[in-house]
Structures are given as structure tokens and as C-alpha cells.
Amino acid sequence: MRVMIFAKTSPEYENMAQGSGTGRGAESIDRFHDELVGAGILLATGKLEPSSKGARVRFDGPKRTVVDGPFTEAKELVGGFWLWQVRSLDEAIEWLKRAPFEGGDFEVRPVHDAGPSGS
């Protein structure tokens, strides 16, 4: 099964975190990524730019509304992600518990495999 892990952030933190990703913490996460790759689990990963560089598109019947970031009304935002191939949700959780973070909130969700048509 494939699972998506969302790294949560807040509007306040996402701007402070710009430029981070160097030093001892980055080395630890690089080692963790190497373990995931070696185990055949890691399919994709990425750190997202702040919401100020993004947009939302709202659908309301035939109407489409574009809202430019930042999304300061949001309590939580997605700051990054992993896409993993695992045998079970429990396995994904066990791997995530090994991640070298000292704080943060992460959400693990199975990817719905709808088949070749994607619906």
C-alpha cells in the first residue's frame, strides 16, 4: 500500500523555517531518508514553499475562485510530504516514529488506489 505523510506547519512557523535544512538536523534526516530508500519504502519526498507562494482554487458549481496565499486563516498547513510504499499503516507509523524530529505534527494517510482511470 502507498501512504502519504504530511508534515504539518503553521502560518507563523512556515516563514521562520525558510532557509532551514542545513546542519546536524539535515544530516539526520538525510540518514533517515537513506534508510527509507534502502528498505524500498521511499517513493517521493518534498518540502513545500510557504503558502505565500501558493494559491487555492475553490469550486462552487460552475464558479471557480482563486485565492492567493498566504493562508493566515489556516491553523495548520502542509509544510512537506513523503510518499511511501509499505505493507500496512502500522508499518508506516513504526517507520515515522523512527524519524529524527524533536517536535512537529505528522499525518499518515493511505493513498486511495482507484485503478488506471484514477477515479
N, C-alpha and C. Protein backbone atom coordinates (compact mmCIF):
# COMPACT_ATOMS: atom_id res chain seq x y z
N MET A 1 0.84 -1.18 0.00
CA MET A 1 0.00 0.00 0.00
C MET A 1 0.88 1.24 0.00
N ARG A 2 0.34 2.31 -0.57
CA ARG A 2 1.05 3.58 -0.53
C ARG A 2 0.42 4.46 0.54
N VAL A 3 1.25 5.19 1.26
CA VAL A 3 0.77 6.14 2.25
C VAL A 3 1.44 7.49 2.00
N MET A 4 0.70 8.54 2.33
CA MET A 4 1.23 9.89 2.26
C MET A 4 1.39 10.38 3.68
N ILE A 5 2.55 10.92 3.99
CA ILE A 5 2.80 11.51 5.30
C ILE A 5 2.89 13.01 5.09
N PHE A 6 2.03 13.73 5.79
CA PHE A 6 2.01 15.19 5.70
C PHE A 6 2.72 15.76 6.92
N ALA A 7 3.70 16.63 6.69
CA ALA A 7 4.35 17.35 7.78
C ALA A 7 3.58 18.65 7.97
N LYS A 8 2.97 18.80 9.13
CA LYS A 8 2.16 19.98 9.39
C LYS A 8 3.03 21.16 9.80
N THR A 9 2.53 22.35 9.52
CA THR A 9 3.19 23.58 9.93
C THR A 9 2.10 24.60 10.21
N SER A 10 2.48 25.78 10.64
CA SER A 10 1.53 26.85 10.91
C SER A 10 1.93 28.07 10.09
N PRO A 11 1.02 29.02 9.90
CA PRO A 11 1.39 30.23 9.17
C PRO A 11 2.57 30.95 9.82
N GLU A 12 2.64 30.94 11.15
CA GLU A 12 3.73 31.62 11.85
C GLU A 12 5.07 30.92 11.60
N TYR A 13 5.05 29.59 11.66
CA TYR A 13 6.30 28.83 11.55
C TYR A 13 6.81 28.74 10.12
N GLU A 14 5.93 28.70 9.12
CA GLU A 14 6.40 28.45 7.77
C GLU A 14 7.34 29.55 7.28
N ASN A 15 7.16 30.78 7.71
CA ASN A 15 8.07 31.85 7.31
C ASN A 15 9.38 31.81 8.09
N MET A 16 9.34 31.39 9.35
CA MET A 16 10.56 31.24 10.14
C MET A 16 11.42 30.11 9.61
N ALA A 17 10.80 29.06 9.06
CA ALA A 17 11.51 27.87 8.63
C ALA A 17 12.24 28.06 7.31
N GLN A 18 11.99 29.15 6.59
CA GLN A 18 12.68 29.38 5.33
C GLN A 18 14.19 29.43 5.58
N GLY A 19 14.90 28.72 4.74
CA GLY A 19 16.36 28.70 4.86
C GLY A 19 16.87 27.62 5.79
N SER A 20 15.97 26.97 6.56
CA SER A 20 16.43 25.88 7.41
C SER A 20 16.69 24.66 6.54
N GLY A 21 17.31 23.67 7.10
CA GLY A 21 17.61 22.47 6.32
C GLY A 21 19.10 22.26 6.16
N THR A 22 19.87 22.88 7.02
CA THR A 22 21.31 22.66 7.00
C THR A 22 21.74 22.24 8.38
N GLY A 23 22.95 21.73 8.49
CA GLY A 23 23.49 21.38 9.79
C GLY A 23 23.14 19.97 10.23
N ARG A 24 23.25 19.75 11.54
CA ARG A 24 23.08 18.42 12.11
C ARG A 24 21.69 17.84 11.85
N GLY A 25 20.64 18.66 11.94
CA GLY A 25 19.28 18.18 11.70
C GLY A 25 19.11 17.67 10.28
N ALA A 26 19.69 18.38 9.32
CA ALA A 26 19.60 17.96 7.92
C ALA A 26 20.36 16.66 7.70
N GLU A 27 21.48 16.50 8.36
CA GLU A 27 22.25 15.25 8.24
C GLU A 27 21.45 14.08 8.79
N SER A 28 20.75 14.29 9.91
CA SER A 28 19.94 13.22 10.50
C SER A 28 18.81 12.81 9.57
N ILE A 29 18.13 13.79 8.98
CA ILE A 29 17.03 13.46 8.09
C ILE A 29 17.56 12.81 6.81
N ASP A 30 18.74 13.23 6.34
CA ASP A 30 19.35 12.58 5.17
C ASP A 30 19.63 11.10 5.47
N ARG A 31 20.13 10.80 6.65
CA ARG A 31 20.38 9.40 7.04
C ARG A 31 19.08 8.61 7.11
N PHE A 32 18.04 9.25 7.65
CA PHE A 32 16.73 8.60 7.72
C PHE A 32 16.21 8.32 6.31
N HIS A 33 16.33 9.28 5.41
CA HIS A 33 15.92 9.07 4.02
C HIS A 33 16.71 7.92 3.39
N ASP A 34 18.00 7.84 3.67
CA ASP A 34 18.82 6.73 3.15
C ASP A 34 18.29 5.39 3.65
N GLU A 35 17.86 5.33 4.92
CA GLU A 35 17.28 4.09 5.46
C GLU A 35 16.00 3.73 4.73
N LEU A 36 15.15 4.74 4.49
CA LEU A 36 13.89 4.50 3.78
C LEU A 36 14.14 4.02 2.36
N VAL A 37 15.11 4.62 1.68
CA VAL A 37 15.45 4.19 0.32
C VAL A 37 15.99 2.77 0.35
N GLY A 38 16.89 2.47 1.28
CA GLY A 38 17.46 1.14 1.40
C GLY A 38 16.42 0.06 1.67
N ALA A 39 15.37 0.43 2.39
CA ALA A 39 14.30 -0.52 2.70
C ALA A 39 13.25 -0.59 1.57
N GLY A 40 13.42 0.22 0.53
CA GLY A 40 12.48 0.21 -0.59
C GLY A 40 11.15 0.89 -0.28
N ILE A 41 11.15 1.79 0.69
CA ILE A 41 9.92 2.43 1.14
C ILE A 41 9.69 3.81 0.52
N LEU A 42 10.72 4.61 0.42
CA LEU A 42 10.57 6.00 -0.02
C LEU A 42 10.32 6.08 -1.52
N LEU A 43 9.17 6.64 -1.89
CA LEU A 43 8.83 6.85 -3.30
C LEU A 43 9.07 8.30 -3.71
N ALA A 44 8.77 9.25 -2.81
CA ALA A 44 8.94 10.67 -3.09
C ALA A 44 8.94 11.44 -1.78
N THR A 45 9.57 12.60 -1.80
CA THR A 45 9.58 13.48 -0.64
C THR A 45 9.72 14.91 -1.12
N GLY A 46 9.29 15.85 -0.31
CA GLY A 46 9.45 17.24 -0.68
C GLY A 46 9.09 18.18 0.45
N LYS A 47 9.78 19.31 0.46
CA LYS A 47 9.47 20.39 1.39
C LYS A 47 8.77 21.46 0.56
N LEU A 48 7.64 21.93 1.05
CA LEU A 48 6.85 22.89 0.29
C LEU A 48 7.27 24.32 0.60
N GLU A 49 7.15 25.17 -0.41
CA GLU A 49 7.36 26.60 -0.23
C GLU A 49 6.25 27.13 0.68
N PRO A 50 6.44 28.29 1.30
CA PRO A 50 5.39 28.83 2.15
C PRO A 50 4.11 29.11 1.38
N SER A 51 2.99 29.14 2.10
CA SER A 51 1.70 29.37 1.45
C SER A 51 1.64 30.72 0.76
N SER A 52 2.51 31.65 1.12
CA SER A 52 2.53 32.95 0.46
C SER A 52 2.90 32.83 -1.02
N LYS A 53 3.50 31.72 -1.39
CA LYS A 53 3.87 31.48 -2.79
C LYS A 53 2.87 30.59 -3.51
N GLY A 54 1.76 30.27 -2.85
CA GLY A 54 0.78 29.36 -3.43
C GLY A 54 -0.56 30.02 -3.68
N ALA A 55 -1.51 29.22 -4.09
CA ALA A 55 -2.87 29.66 -4.34
C ALA A 55 -3.82 28.52 -4.05
N ARG A 56 -5.06 28.86 -3.78
CA ARG A 56 -6.12 27.87 -3.62
C ARG A 56 -7.16 28.14 -4.70
N VAL A 57 -7.74 27.08 -5.20
CA VAL A 57 -8.83 27.20 -6.16
C VAL A 57 -10.06 26.57 -5.53
N ARG A 58 -11.11 27.36 -5.39
CA ARG A 58 -12.36 26.87 -4.81
C ARG A 58 -13.36 26.62 -5.93
N PHE A 59 -14.07 25.49 -5.81
CA PHE A 59 -15.09 25.10 -6.77
C PHE A 59 -16.45 25.24 -6.12
N ASP A 60 -17.34 25.95 -6.77
CA ASP A 60 -18.72 26.10 -6.31
C ASP A 60 -19.60 26.03 -7.54
N GLY A 61 -20.04 24.80 -7.88
CA GLY A 61 -20.77 24.60 -9.12
C GLY A 61 -19.88 25.00 -10.29
N PRO A 62 -20.37 25.84 -11.19
CA PRO A 62 -19.55 26.25 -12.33
C PRO A 62 -18.56 27.37 -11.98
N LYS A 63 -18.69 27.95 -10.79
CA LYS A 63 -17.84 29.07 -10.39
C LYS A 63 -16.50 28.58 -9.85
N ARG A 64 -15.43 29.26 -10.26
CA ARG A 64 -14.07 28.97 -9.79
C ARG A 64 -13.50 30.25 -9.18
N THR A 65 -13.02 30.14 -7.95
CA THR A 65 -12.45 31.30 -7.26
C THR A 65 -11.02 30.97 -6.89
N VAL A 66 -10.12 31.88 -7.24
CA VAL A 66 -8.70 31.71 -6.90
C VAL A 66 -8.37 32.64 -5.75
N VAL A 67 -7.75 32.07 -4.71
CA VAL A 67 -7.33 32.83 -3.54
C VAL A 67 -5.82 32.69 -3.43
N ASP A 68 -5.12 33.81 -3.52
CA ASP A 68 -3.67 33.78 -3.39
C ASP A 68 -3.27 33.69 -1.93
N GLY A 69 -2.15 32.98 -1.67
CA GLY A 69 -1.62 32.89 -0.32
C GLY A 69 -1.01 34.22 0.09
N PRO A 70 -0.65 34.39 1.34
CA PRO A 70 -0.60 33.36 2.38
C PRO A 70 -1.97 33.06 2.96
N PHE A 71 -2.08 31.89 3.57
CA PHE A 71 -3.33 31.43 4.13
C PHE A 71 -3.30 31.57 5.64
N THR A 72 -3.31 32.80 6.10
CA THR A 72 -3.15 33.08 7.53
C THR A 72 -4.35 32.64 8.35
N GLU A 73 -5.50 32.41 7.70
CA GLU A 73 -6.68 31.96 8.45
C GLU A 73 -6.57 30.49 8.82
N ALA A 74 -5.65 29.78 8.21
CA ALA A 74 -5.48 28.35 8.49
C ALA A 74 -4.71 28.16 9.79
N LYS A 75 -5.18 27.20 10.61
CA LYS A 75 -4.45 26.87 11.83
C LYS A 75 -3.26 25.97 11.51
N GLU A 76 -3.45 25.07 10.54
CA GLU A 76 -2.39 24.16 10.13
C GLU A 76 -2.26 24.18 8.62
N LEU A 77 -1.05 24.08 8.17
CA LEU A 77 -0.74 24.00 6.75
C LEU A 77 0.16 22.79 6.53
N VAL A 78 0.24 22.33 5.31
CA VAL A 78 1.18 21.26 4.98
C VAL A 78 2.50 21.91 4.60
N GLY A 79 3.57 21.51 5.29
CA GLY A 79 4.88 22.08 5.03
C GLY A 79 5.77 21.17 4.21
N GLY A 80 5.41 19.89 4.15
CA GLY A 80 6.20 18.93 3.40
C GLY A 80 5.47 17.59 3.36
N PHE A 81 6.06 16.64 2.65
CA PHE A 81 5.40 15.34 2.49
C PHE A 81 6.41 14.24 2.20
N TRP A 82 5.97 13.03 2.45
CA TRP A 82 6.64 11.81 2.00
C TRP A 82 5.58 10.94 1.34
N LEU A 83 5.95 10.21 0.33
CA LEU A 83 5.11 9.17 -0.24
C LEU A 83 5.89 7.87 -0.07
N TRP A 84 5.28 6.93 0.66
CA TRP A 84 5.94 5.66 0.98
C TRP A 84 5.15 4.48 0.45
N GLN A 85 5.87 3.41 0.17
CA GLN A 85 5.28 2.11 -0.17
C GLN A 85 5.56 1.20 1.01
N VAL A 86 4.50 0.77 1.69
CA VAL A 86 4.63 -0.07 2.89
C VAL A 86 3.62 -1.21 2.82
N ARG A 87 3.75 -2.16 3.75
CA ARG A 87 2.81 -3.29 3.80
C ARG A 87 1.53 -2.93 4.53
N SER A 88 1.62 -1.96 5.47
CA SER A 88 0.44 -1.63 6.27
C SER A 88 0.60 -0.23 6.86
N LEU A 89 -0.51 0.29 7.36
CA LEU A 89 -0.48 1.57 8.05
C LEU A 89 0.38 1.47 9.30
N ASP A 90 0.30 0.34 9.98
CA ASP A 90 1.13 0.14 11.18
C ASP A 90 2.62 0.22 10.85
N GLU A 91 3.02 -0.37 9.72
CA GLU A 91 4.43 -0.30 9.34
C GLU A 91 4.84 1.15 9.08
N ALA A 92 3.99 1.92 8.41
CA ALA A 92 4.30 3.33 8.15
C ALA A 92 4.46 4.09 9.46
N ILE A 93 3.58 3.84 10.41
CA ILE A 93 3.66 4.52 11.70
C ILE A 93 4.95 4.16 12.42
N GLU A 94 5.33 2.90 12.38
CA GLU A 94 6.58 2.48 13.03
C GLU A 94 7.79 3.17 12.39
N TRP A 95 7.81 3.26 11.07
CA TRP A 95 8.90 3.98 10.39
C TRP A 95 8.90 5.46 10.78
N LEU A 96 7.74 6.08 10.79
CA LEU A 96 7.65 7.50 11.12
C LEU A 96 8.13 7.77 12.53
N LYS A 97 7.85 6.87 13.45
CA LYS A 97 8.29 7.04 14.84
C LYS A 97 9.81 7.05 14.94
N ARG A 98 10.50 6.51 13.94
CA ARG A 98 11.97 6.50 13.92
C ARG A 98 12.57 7.79 13.36
N ALA A 99 11.74 8.66 12.80
CA ALA A 99 12.23 9.90 12.20
C ALA A 99 12.94 10.77 13.24
N PRO A 100 14.01 11.45 12.85
CA PRO A 100 14.82 12.20 13.81
C PRO A 100 14.31 13.61 14.11
N PHE A 101 13.06 13.73 14.47
CA PHE A 101 12.49 15.04 14.79
C PHE A 101 12.34 15.18 16.29
N GLU A 102 12.50 16.41 16.77
CA GLU A 102 12.32 16.68 18.19
C GLU A 102 11.00 17.40 18.46
N GLY A 103 10.25 17.65 17.42
CA GLY A 103 8.95 18.31 17.54
C GLY A 103 8.23 18.20 16.21
N GLY A 104 6.98 18.53 16.21
CA GLY A 104 6.22 18.52 14.97
C GLY A 104 5.01 17.63 15.04
N ASP A 105 4.18 17.77 14.03
CA ASP A 105 2.94 17.01 13.94
C ASP A 105 2.85 16.46 12.52
N PHE A 106 2.64 15.16 12.40
CA PHE A 106 2.63 14.49 11.11
C PHE A 106 1.35 13.68 10.97
N GLU A 107 0.79 13.66 9.78
CA GLU A 107 -0.41 12.90 9.50
C GLU A 107 -0.07 11.81 8.49
N VAL A 108 -0.50 10.58 8.77
CA VAL A 108 -0.25 9.44 7.88
C VAL A 108 -1.59 8.99 7.32
N ARG A 109 -1.68 8.96 5.97
CA ARG A 109 -2.95 8.57 5.35
C ARG A 109 -2.70 7.64 4.18
N PRO A 110 -3.47 6.56 4.10
CA PRO A 110 -3.36 5.68 2.94
C PRO A 110 -3.77 6.41 1.66
N VAL A 111 -3.11 6.08 0.57
CA VAL A 111 -3.46 6.63 -0.74
C VAL A 111 -4.52 5.72 -1.34
N HIS A 112 -5.63 6.28 -1.75
CA HIS A 112 -6.70 5.51 -2.38
C HIS A 112 -6.27 5.15 -3.79
N ASP A 113 -6.12 3.88 -4.05
CA ASP A 113 -5.76 3.41 -5.40
C ASP A 113 -7.01 3.12 -6.17
N ALA A 114 -7.37 4.01 -7.07
CA ALA A 114 -8.62 3.92 -7.81
C ALA A 114 -8.50 3.13 -9.09
N GLY A 115 -7.31 2.65 -9.40
CA GLY A 115 -7.13 1.92 -10.65
C GLY A 115 -6.60 2.81 -11.75
N PRO A 116 -6.49 2.28 -12.94
CA PRO A 116 -5.83 3.01 -14.04
C PRO A 116 -6.53 4.32 -14.45
N SER A 117 -7.84 4.41 -14.26
CA SER A 117 -8.53 5.63 -14.69
C SER A 117 -8.38 6.75 -13.69
N GLY A 118 -7.98 6.42 -12.43
CA GLY A 118 -7.80 7.43 -11.40
C GLY A 118 -9.08 7.94 -10.77
N SER A 119 -10.21 7.28 -11.05
CA SER A 119 -11.46 7.75 -10.46
C SER A 119 -12.02 6.72 -9.49
